[in-house]
């Protein structure tokens, strides 16, 4: 798939990562687009597949397709995204890409999160890992604590925004221990029940997102070369502040122009 086709995909499926990537030089932008298209492919499987076995088969196909790219004689399967990934193998290690796939198997199995720590580990393995790979593609470095804060700020906010969808597939971002504390269950989540109890149970996740945003702000300006890789994390505040009061309501979209202006300011100032 040519870069402009990845651009079209990400414009609708992952617009904020795309916006940040636009601040990269053209060759780096193309690499980021390929990585984000791959992340989109594996991330949508749980929501698009009702049968767990089919979902596992799709993830296994991707794991094997990535492994094929790293053979002594690489094999590129006929898929636009694998063709895009083929150009990244000299920069990204195979285990780093397959780690993104491994993190999605629990989504397919609809395994409820056991605790807040479980939610945080998932976000570190998905949003945080993706940011680290993007930094590698940008040939940029950033303190691990800052990357973790950025990943958690963005990842937790994203999970909260997607709460209604995540609840239906059994992976609502709320710890089972916190559900039990308020007398709620994962089954109630899947059925959209117990709204007041659920709102109380997810408060620790919201607090963790707030804490991550504070850590990110405290870290100071982002170096210009890191903005294409994780600058979109600065948009999390706008999304978090606009979350509905009721967890089963879909979060509203933010207008494009303020997001563009925010990232432009970030690229100029680091803040």
C-alpha atoms as a PDB file:
ATOM      1  CA  UNK A   1       0.000   0.000   0.000  1.00  0.00           C
ATOM      2  CA  UNK A   2       1.549   3.328  -1.007  1.00  0.00           C
ATOM      3  CA  UNK A   3       2.124   5.959   1.656  1.00  0.00           C
ATOM      4  CA  UNK A   4      -0.880   7.979   0.493  1.00  0.00           C
ATOM      5  CA  UNK A   5      -3.131   4.954   1.062  1.00  0.00           C
ATOM      6  CA  UNK A   6      -1.792   4.526   4.601  1.00  0.00           C
ATOM      7  CA  UNK A   7      -2.485   8.214   5.035  1.00  0.00           C
ATOM      8  CA  UNK A   8      -6.097   7.696   3.971  1.00  0.00           C
ATOM      9  CA  UNK A   9      -6.473   4.761   6.387  1.00  0.00           C
ATOM     10  CA  UNK A  10      -4.989   6.620   9.343  1.00  0.00           C
ATOM     11  CA  UNK A  11      -6.872   9.823   8.618  1.00  0.00           C
ATOM     12  CA  UNK A  12     -10.067   8.036   9.710  1.00  0.00           C
ATOM     13  CA  UNK A  13      -8.790   5.187  11.902  1.00  0.00           C
ATOM     14  CA  UNK A  14      -5.949   6.813  13.863  1.00  0.00           C
ATOM     15  CA  UNK A  15      -6.090  10.562  13.151  1.00  0.00           C
ATOM     16  CA  UNK A  16      -4.070  11.906  16.076  1.00  0.00           C
ATOM     17  CA  UNK A  17      -1.063   9.648  15.558  1.00  0.00           C
ATOM     18  CA  UNK A  18      -1.247  10.624  11.897  1.00  0.00           C
ATOM     19  CA  UNK A  19      -1.306  14.330  12.752  1.00  0.00           C
ATOM     20  CA  UNK A  20       1.798  14.000  14.914  1.00  0.00           C
ATOM     21  CA  UNK A  21       3.591  11.943  12.263  1.00  0.00           C
ATOM     22  CA  UNK A  22       3.111  14.755   9.748  1.00  0.00           C
ATOM     23  CA  UNK A  23       5.817  16.690  11.622  1.00  0.00           C
ATOM     24  CA  UNK A  24       8.401  14.048  10.662  1.00  0.00           C
ATOM     25  CA  UNK A  25      10.561  14.189   7.519  1.00  0.00           C
ATOM     26  CA  UNK A  26       8.908  12.348   4.583  1.00  0.00           C
ATOM     27  CA  UNK A  27      10.974   9.158   4.880  1.00  0.00           C
ATOM     28  CA  UNK A  28      10.377   8.895   8.640  1.00  0.00           C
ATOM     29  CA  UNK A  29       6.704   9.706   8.168  1.00  0.00           C
ATOM     30  CA  UNK A  30       6.374   6.800   5.745  1.00  0.00           C
ATOM     31  CA  UNK A  31       7.860   4.431   8.330  1.00  0.00           C
ATOM     32  CA  UNK A  32       5.544   5.724  11.056  1.00  0.00           C
ATOM     33  CA  UNK A  33       2.530   5.320   8.790  1.00  0.00           C
ATOM     34  CA  UNK A  34       3.470   1.678   8.127  1.00  0.00           C
ATOM     35  CA  UNK A  35       3.885   1.000  11.860  1.00  0.00           C
ATOM     36  CA  UNK A  36       0.575   2.650  12.709  1.00  0.00           C
ATOM     37  CA  UNK A  37      -1.239   0.787   9.938  1.00  0.00           C
ATOM     38  CA  UNK A  38       0.085  -2.454  11.432  1.00  0.00           C
ATOM     39  CA  UNK A  39      -1.074  -1.409  14.902  1.00  0.00           C
ATOM     40  CA  UNK A  40      -4.494  -0.615  13.476  1.00  0.00           C
ATOM     41  CA  UNK A  41      -4.753  -4.032  11.827  1.00  0.00           C
ATOM     42  CA  UNK A  42      -4.041  -6.009  14.981  1.00  0.00           C
ATOM     43  CA  UNK A  43      -5.941  -3.635  17.267  1.00  0.00           C
ATOM     44  CA  UNK A  44      -9.257  -3.908  15.436  1.00  0.00           C
ATOM     45  CA  UNK A  45      -9.410  -7.716  15.429  1.00  0.00           C
ATOM     46  CA  UNK A  46     -11.106  -8.135  18.813  1.00  0.00           C
ATOM     47  CA  UNK A  47     -13.826  -5.617  17.998  1.00  0.00           C
ATOM     48  CA  UNK A  48     -14.417  -6.973  14.492  1.00  0.00           C
ATOM     49  CA  UNK A  49     -14.466 -10.681  15.379  1.00  0.00           C
ATOM     50  CA  UNK A  50     -17.157 -12.282  17.521  1.00  0.00           C
ATOM     51  CA  UNK A  51     -15.555 -15.743  17.491  1.00  0.00           C
ATOM     52  CA  UNK A  52     -12.496 -15.999  19.737  1.00  0.00           C
ATOM     53  CA  UNK A  53     -10.946 -18.793  17.693  1.00  0.00           C
ATOM     54  CA  UNK A  54     -11.143 -16.751  14.496  1.00  0.00           C
ATOM     55  CA  UNK A  55      -9.566 -13.802  16.273  1.00  0.00           C
ATOM     56  CA  UNK A  56      -6.725 -15.987  17.528  1.00  0.00           C
ATOM     57  CA  UNK A  57      -6.176 -17.308  14.016  1.00  0.00           C
ATOM     58  CA  UNK A  58      -5.907 -13.767  12.662  1.00  0.00           C
ATOM     59  CA  UNK A  59      -3.405 -12.732  15.315  1.00  0.00           C
ATOM     60  CA  UNK A  60      -1.405 -15.900  14.695  1.00  0.00           C
ATOM     61  CA  UNK A  61      -1.370 -15.072  10.971  1.00  0.00           C
ATOM     62  CA  UNK A  62       0.121 -11.678  11.785  1.00  0.00           C
ATOM     63  CA  UNK A  63       2.671 -13.151  14.166  1.00  0.00           C
ATOM     64  CA  UNK A  64       3.811 -15.594  11.478  1.00  0.00           C
ATOM     65  CA  UNK A  65       3.758 -12.901   8.805  1.00  0.00           C
ATOM     66  CA  UNK A  66       6.089 -10.751  10.909  1.00  0.00           C
ATOM     67  CA  UNK A  67       8.367 -13.742  11.561  1.00  0.00           C
ATOM     68  CA  UNK A  68       8.572 -14.352   7.801  1.00  0.00           C
ATOM     69  CA  UNK A  69       9.987 -10.857   7.321  1.00  0.00           C
ATOM     70  CA  UNK A  70      12.967 -11.725   9.520  1.00  0.00           C
ATOM     71  CA  UNK A  71      13.954 -14.995   7.826  1.00  0.00           C
ATOM     72  CA  UNK A  72      17.432 -15.210   6.331  1.00  0.00           C
ATOM     73  CA  UNK A  73      15.595 -15.021   3.022  1.00  0.00           C
ATOM     74  CA  UNK A  74      12.644 -12.774   3.917  1.00  0.00           C
ATOM     75  CA  UNK A  75       9.192 -13.775   2.803  1.00  0.00           C
ATOM     76  CA  UNK A  76       6.763 -10.895   2.294  1.00  0.00           C
ATOM     77  CA  UNK A  77       3.153 -12.005   2.338  1.00  0.00           C
ATOM     78  CA  UNK A  78       0.803 -10.313  -0.074  1.00  0.00           C
ATOM     79  CA  UNK A  79      -0.728  -7.707   2.168  1.00  0.00           C
ATOM     80  CA  UNK A  80      -0.246  -3.947   2.030  1.00  0.00           C
ATOM     81  CA  UNK A  81       0.748  -3.731   5.690  1.00  0.00           C
ATOM     82  CA  UNK A  82       3.304  -6.559   5.565  1.00  0.00           C
ATOM     83  CA  UNK A  83       4.804  -4.878   2.523  1.00  0.00           C
ATOM     84  CA  UNK A  84       5.065  -1.687   4.546  1.00  0.00           C
ATOM     85  CA  UNK A  85       6.598  -3.512   7.523  1.00  0.00           C
ATOM     86  CA  UNK A  86       9.220  -5.071   5.267  1.00  0.00           C
ATOM     87  CA  UNK A  87      10.907  -1.685   5.083  1.00  0.00           C
ATOM     88  CA  UNK A  88      11.232  -1.483   8.860  1.00  0.00           C
ATOM     89  CA  UNK A  89      13.064  -4.719   9.629  1.00  0.00           C
ATOM     90  CA  UNK A  90      16.478  -3.064   9.559  1.00  0.00           C
ATOM     91  CA  UNK A  91      15.315  -0.674  12.283  1.00  0.00           C
ATOM     92  CA  UNK A  92      12.911  -2.677  14.462  1.00  0.00           C
ATOM     93  CA  UNK A  93      13.619  -6.055  16.043  1.00  0.00           C
ATOM     94  CA  UNK A  94      11.191  -8.918  15.494  1.00  0.00           C
ATOM     95  CA  UNK A  95      10.415  -9.373  19.236  1.00  0.00           C
ATOM     96  CA  UNK A  96       9.429  -5.709  19.492  1.00  0.00           C
ATOM     97  CA  UNK A  97       6.787  -6.091  16.780  1.00  0.00           C
ATOM     98  CA  UNK A  98       5.515  -9.461  17.966  1.00  0.00           C
ATOM     99  CA  UNK A  99       5.167  -8.033  21.486  1.00  0.00           C
ATOM    100  CA  UNK A 100       2.444  -5.743  20.125  1.00  0.00           C
ATOM    101  CA  UNK A 101       0.633  -8.790  18.763  1.00  0.00           C
ATOM    102  CA  UNK A 102       1.029 -10.784  21.986  1.00  0.00           C
ATOM    103  CA  UNK A 103      -0.602  -7.995  23.984  1.00  0.00           C
ATOM    104  CA  UNK A 104      -3.782  -8.365  21.903  1.00  0.00           C
ATOM    105  CA  UNK A 105      -4.443 -12.037  22.636  1.00  0.00           C
ATOM    106  CA  UNK A 106      -6.143 -11.206  25.937  1.00  0.00           C
ATOM    107  CA  UNK A 107      -8.510  -8.906  24.034  1.00  0.00           C
ATOM    108  CA  UNK A 108      -9.524 -11.850  21.868  1.00  0.00           C
ATOM    109  CA  UNK A 109     -10.025 -14.060  24.910  1.00  0.00           C
ATOM    110  CA  UNK A 110     -12.116 -11.329  26.566  1.00  0.00           C
ATOM    111  CA  UNK A 111     -10.154 -11.762  29.790  1.00  0.00           C
ATOM    112  CA  UNK A 112     -11.330  -9.122  32.288  1.00  0.00           C
ATOM    113  CA  UNK A 113      -8.628  -7.030  33.914  1.00  0.00           C
ATOM    114  CA  UNK A 114      -7.888  -8.251  37.426  1.00  0.00           C
ATOM    115  CA  UNK A 115      -6.708  -4.936  38.842  1.00  0.00           C
ATOM    116  CA  UNK A 116      -5.529  -1.443  37.991  1.00  0.00           C
ATOM    117  CA  UNK A 117      -1.996  -2.847  37.727  1.00  0.00           C
ATOM    118  CA  UNK A 118      -3.302  -5.224  35.072  1.00  0.00           C
ATOM    119  CA  UNK A 119      -4.789  -2.314  33.117  1.00  0.00           C
ATOM    120  CA  UNK A 120      -1.520  -0.388  33.375  1.00  0.00           C
ATOM    121  CA  UNK A 121       0.504  -3.379  32.171  1.00  0.00           C
ATOM    122  CA  UNK A 122      -1.765  -3.678  29.132  1.00  0.00           C
ATOM    123  CA  UNK A 123      -1.379   0.013  28.302  1.00  0.00           C
ATOM    124  CA  UNK A 124       2.405  -0.215  28.686  1.00  0.00           C
ATOM    125  CA  UNK A 125       2.461  -3.189  26.311  1.00  0.00           C
ATOM    126  CA  UNK A 126       0.295  -1.488  23.682  1.00  0.00           C
ATOM    127  CA  UNK A 127       0.324   2.331  23.652  1.00  0.00           C
ATOM    128  CA  UNK A 128       3.666   2.575  25.463  1.00  0.00           C
ATOM    129  CA  UNK A 129       5.376  -0.058  23.313  1.00  0.00           C
ATOM    130  CA  UNK A 130       4.109   1.590  20.144  1.00  0.00           C
ATOM    131  CA  UNK A 131       5.566   4.928  21.235  1.00  0.00           C
ATOM    132  CA  UNK A 132       8.928   3.319  21.912  1.00  0.00           C
ATOM    133  CA  UNK A 133       8.991   1.760  18.448  1.00  0.00           C
ATOM    134  CA  UNK A 134       8.002   5.076  16.898  1.00  0.00           C
ATOM    135  CA  UNK A 135      10.876   6.791  18.699  1.00  0.00           C
ATOM    136  CA  UNK A 136      13.238   4.203  17.245  1.00  0.00           C
ATOM    137  CA  UNK A 137      11.934   4.940  13.752  1.00  0.00           C
ATOM    138  CA  UNK A 138      12.484   8.649  14.398  1.00  0.00           C
ATOM    139  CA  UNK A 139      16.018   7.891  15.601  1.00  0.00           C
ATOM    140  CA  UNK A 140      15.121   9.738  18.782  1.00  0.00           C
ATOM    141  CA  UNK A 141      15.538   8.937  22.459  1.00  0.00           C
ATOM    142  CA  UNK A 142      13.569   9.915  25.528  1.00  0.00           C
ATOM    143  CA  UNK A 143      13.747   8.961  29.177  1.00  0.00           C
ATOM    144  CA  UNK A 144      11.846   5.726  29.805  1.00  0.00           C
ATOM    145  CA  UNK A 145       9.751   7.333  32.549  1.00  0.00           C
ATOM    146  CA  UNK A 146       8.580  10.036  30.146  1.00  0.00           C
ATOM    147  CA  UNK A 147       7.660   7.464  27.504  1.00  0.00           C
ATOM    148  CA  UNK A 148       5.769   5.460  30.116  1.00  0.00           C
ATOM    149  CA  UNK A 149       3.874   8.565  31.263  1.00  0.00           C
ATOM    150  CA  UNK A 150       3.009   9.505  27.681  1.00  0.00           C
ATOM    151  CA  UNK A 151       1.876   5.971  26.883  1.00  0.00           C
ATOM    152  CA  UNK A 152      -0.294   5.762  29.970  1.00  0.00           C
ATOM    153  CA  UNK A 153      -1.789   9.221  29.484  1.00  0.00           C
ATOM    154  CA  UNK A 154      -2.789   8.374  25.921  1.00  0.00           C
ATOM    155  CA  UNK A 155      -3.598   4.697  26.425  1.00  0.00           C
ATOM    156  CA  UNK A 156      -5.743   5.067  29.531  1.00  0.00           C
ATOM    157  CA  UNK A 157      -7.624   8.009  28.063  1.00  0.00           C
ATOM    158  CA  UNK A 158      -8.248   5.989  24.909  1.00  0.00           C
ATOM    159  CA  UNK A 159      -9.576   3.030  26.903  1.00  0.00           C
ATOM    160  CA  UNK A 160     -11.923   5.300  28.839  1.00  0.00           C
ATOM    161  CA  UNK A 161     -13.177   6.891  25.627  1.00  0.00           C
ATOM    162  CA  UNK A 162     -13.842   3.424  24.230  1.00  0.00           C
ATOM    163  CA  UNK A 163     -15.460   2.151  27.431  1.00  0.00           C
ATOM    164  CA  UNK A 164     -18.836   1.180  25.855  1.00  0.00           C
ATOM    165  CA  UNK A 165     -17.135  -0.823  23.098  1.00  0.00           C
ATOM    166  CA  UNK A 166     -14.580  -2.391  25.418  1.00  0.00           C
ATOM    167  CA  UNK A 167     -17.319  -3.406  27.870  1.00  0.00           C
ATOM    168  CA  UNK A 168     -19.146  -5.331  25.141  1.00  0.00           C
ATOM    169  CA  UNK A 169     -16.063  -7.418  24.290  1.00  0.00           C
ATOM    170  CA  UNK A 170     -15.346  -8.140  27.963  1.00  0.00           C
ATOM    171  CA  UNK A 171     -12.277  -5.897  28.242  1.00  0.00           C
ATOM    172  CA  UNK A 172     -13.610  -2.769  29.915  1.00  0.00           C
ATOM    173  CA  UNK A 173     -10.764  -0.768  31.496  1.00  0.00           C
ATOM    174  CA  UNK A 174     -11.605  -1.456  35.104  1.00  0.00           C
ATOM    175  CA  UNK A 175     -10.003  -3.759  37.636  1.00  0.00           C
ATOM    176  CA  UNK A 176     -11.996  -6.732  38.867  1.00  0.00           C
ATOM    177  CA  UNK A 177     -11.021  -5.856  42.418  1.00  0.00           C
ATOM    178  CA  UNK A 178     -12.480  -2.372  42.013  1.00  0.00           C
ATOM    179  CA  UNK A 179     -15.651  -3.845  40.515  1.00  0.00           C
ATOM    180  CA  UNK A 180     -15.989  -6.168  43.488  1.00  0.00           C
ATOM    181  CA  UNK A 181     -15.477  -3.290  45.886  1.00  0.00           C
ATOM    182  CA  UNK A 182     -18.647  -1.584  44.594  1.00  0.00           C
ATOM    183  CA  UNK A 183     -20.666  -4.777  44.111  1.00  0.00           C
ATOM    184  CA  UNK A 184     -20.435  -4.930  40.309  1.00  0.00           C
ATOM    185  CA  UNK A 185     -19.339  -7.739  37.969  1.00  0.00           C
ATOM    186  CA  UNK A 186     -17.852  -8.082  34.452  1.00  0.00           C
ATOM    187  CA  UNK A 187     -21.190  -9.548  33.339  1.00  0.00           C
ATOM    188  CA  UNK A 188     -22.927  -6.344  34.368  1.00  0.00           C
ATOM    189  CA  UNK A 189     -20.456  -4.387  32.248  1.00  0.00           C
ATOM    190  CA  UNK A 190     -21.178  -6.439  29.151  1.00  0.00           C
ATOM    191  CA  UNK A 191     -24.904  -5.817  29.606  1.00  0.00           C
ATOM    192  CA  UNK A 192     -24.537  -2.095  30.287  1.00  0.00           C
ATOM    193  CA  UNK A 193     -25.843  -2.375  33.838  1.00  0.00           C
ATOM    194  CA  UNK A 194     -24.946  -0.722  37.136  1.00  0.00           C
ATOM    195  CA  UNK A 195     -23.956   2.646  35.722  1.00  0.00           C
ATOM    196  CA  UNK A 196     -23.404   4.394  39.062  1.00  0.00           C
ATOM    197  CA  UNK A 197     -21.415   1.499  40.478  1.00  0.00           C
ATOM    198  CA  UNK A 198     -19.318   1.230  37.324  1.00  0.00           C
ATOM    199  CA  UNK A 199     -18.608   4.978  37.339  1.00  0.00           C
ATOM    200  CA  UNK A 200     -17.205   4.586  40.841  1.00  0.00           C
ATOM    201  CA  UNK A 201     -15.198   1.493  39.916  1.00  0.00           C
ATOM    202  CA  UNK A 202     -13.424   3.160  36.986  1.00  0.00           C
ATOM    203  CA  UNK A 203     -12.361   6.180  39.022  1.00  0.00           C
ATOM    204  CA  UNK A 204      -8.919   4.656  39.775  1.00  0.00           C
ATOM    205  CA  UNK A 205      -8.292   4.371  36.024  1.00  0.00           C
ATOM    206  CA  UNK A 206      -9.267   8.014  35.531  1.00  0.00           C
ATOM    207  CA  UNK A 207      -6.997   8.988  38.420  1.00  0.00           C
ATOM    208  CA  UNK A 208      -4.129   7.012  36.856  1.00  0.00           C
ATOM    209  CA  UNK A 209      -4.629   8.874  33.573  1.00  0.00           C
ATOM    210  CA  UNK A 210      -4.564  12.195  35.428  1.00  0.00           C
ATOM    211  CA  UNK A 211      -1.405  11.163  37.242  1.00  0.00           C
ATOM    212  CA  UNK A 212       0.282  10.192  33.980  1.00  0.00           C
ATOM    213  CA  UNK A 213      -0.621  13.552  32.445  1.00  0.00           C
ATOM    214  CA  UNK A 214       0.851  15.317  35.473  1.00  0.00           C
ATOM    215  CA  UNK A 215       4.070  13.290  35.133  1.00  0.00           C
ATOM    216  CA  UNK A 216       4.242  14.147  31.437  1.00  0.00           C
ATOM    217  CA  UNK A 217       3.786  17.852  32.133  1.00  0.00           C
ATOM    218  CA  UNK A 218       6.351  17.770  34.933  1.00  0.00           C
ATOM    219  CA  UNK A 219       8.924  16.238  32.574  1.00  0.00           C
ATOM    220  CA  UNK A 220       9.096  19.523  30.688  1.00  0.00           C
ATOM    221  CA  UNK A 221       9.281  20.267  26.965  1.00  0.00           C
ATOM    222  CA  UNK A 222       9.435  17.415  24.473  1.00  0.00           C
ATOM    223  CA  UNK A 223      12.457  17.506  22.153  1.00  0.00           C
ATOM    224  CA  UNK A 224      11.356  18.379  18.610  1.00  0.00           C
ATOM    225  CA  UNK A 225      12.546  15.066  17.183  1.00  0.00           C
ATOM    226  CA  UNK A 226      10.232  13.129  19.537  1.00  0.00           C
ATOM    227  CA  UNK A 227       7.038  15.016  18.632  1.00  0.00           C
ATOM    228  CA  UNK A 228       6.189  12.822  15.582  1.00  0.00           C
ATOM    229  CA  UNK A 229       6.542   9.699  17.735  1.00  0.00           C
ATOM    230  CA  UNK A 230       4.496  10.608  20.791  1.00  0.00           C
ATOM    231  CA  UNK A 231       3.463  14.246  20.643  1.00  0.00           C
ATOM    232  CA  UNK A 232      -0.160  13.221  20.290  1.00  0.00           C
ATOM    233  CA  UNK A 233      -0.096  12.280  23.977  1.00  0.00           C
ATOM    234  CA  UNK A 234      -0.428  16.010  24.653  1.00  0.00           C
ATOM    235  CA  UNK A 235      -3.930  15.795  23.179  1.00  0.00           C
ATOM    236  CA  UNK A 236      -5.042  13.410  25.919  1.00  0.00           C
ATOM    237  CA  UNK A 237      -5.971  16.246  28.269  1.00  0.00           C
ATOM    238  CA  UNK A 238      -8.603  17.570  25.859  1.00  0.00           C
ATOM    239  CA  UNK A 239     -10.156  14.118  25.495  1.00  0.00           C
ATOM    240  CA  UNK A 240     -10.032  13.319  29.201  1.00  0.00           C
ATOM    241  CA  UNK A 241     -11.756  16.572  30.141  1.00  0.00           C
ATOM    242  CA  UNK A 242     -14.585  15.787  27.709  1.00  0.00           C
ATOM    243  CA  UNK A 243     -15.374  12.276  28.895  1.00  0.00           C
ATOM    244  CA  UNK A 244     -19.106  11.801  29.553  1.00  0.00           C
ATOM    245  CA  UNK A 245     -20.203  11.556  33.149  1.00  0.00           C
ATOM    246  CA  UNK A 246     -21.919   8.257  32.360  1.00  0.00           C
ATOM    247  CA  UNK A 247     -19.477   5.466  31.410  1.00  0.00           C
ATOM    248  CA  UNK A 248     -21.718   3.804  28.805  1.00  0.00           C
ATOM    249  CA  UNK A 249     -22.069   6.989  26.763  1.00  0.00           C
ATOM    250  CA  UNK A 250     -19.791   7.402  23.764  1.00  0.00           C
ATOM    251  CA  UNK A 251     -17.256  10.194  24.136  1.00  0.00           C
ATOM    252  CA  UNK A 252     -17.634  13.100  21.694  1.00  0.00           C
ATOM    253  CA  UNK A 253     -15.053  13.716  19.005  1.00  0.00           C
ATOM    254  CA  UNK A 254     -12.911  16.835  19.223  1.00  0.00           C
ATOM    255  CA  UNK A 255     -12.776  19.244  16.261  1.00  0.00           C
ATOM    256  CA  UNK A 256      -9.759  18.825  14.013  1.00  0.00           C
ATOM    257  CA  UNK A 257      -8.484  22.413  14.004  1.00  0.00           C
ATOM    258  CA  UNK A 258      -7.768  22.722  17.759  1.00  0.00           C
ATOM    259  CA  UNK A 259      -5.844  19.446  17.638  1.00  0.00           C
ATOM    260  CA  UNK A 260      -3.806  20.634  14.669  1.00  0.00           C
ATOM    261  CA  UNK A 261      -3.045  23.930  16.399  1.00  0.00           C
ATOM    262  CA  UNK A 262      -2.092  22.153  19.640  1.00  0.00           C
ATOM    263  CA  UNK A 263       0.403  19.910  17.856  1.00  0.00           C
ATOM    264  CA  UNK A 264       1.802  22.811  15.852  1.00  0.00           C
ATOM    265  CA  UNK A 265       2.437  24.721  19.071  1.00  0.00           C
ATOM    266  CA  UNK A 266       4.005  21.598  20.557  1.00  0.00           C
ATOM    267  CA  UNK A 267       6.341  21.251  17.577  1.00  0.00           C
ATOM    268  CA  UNK A 268       7.491  24.837  18.039  1.00  0.00           C
ATOM    269  CA  UNK A 269       7.810  24.953  21.823  1.00  0.00           C
ATOM    270  CA  UNK A 270       7.948  21.355  23.054  1.00  0.00           C
ATOM    271  CA  UNK A 271       4.990  22.100  25.323  1.00  0.00           C
END
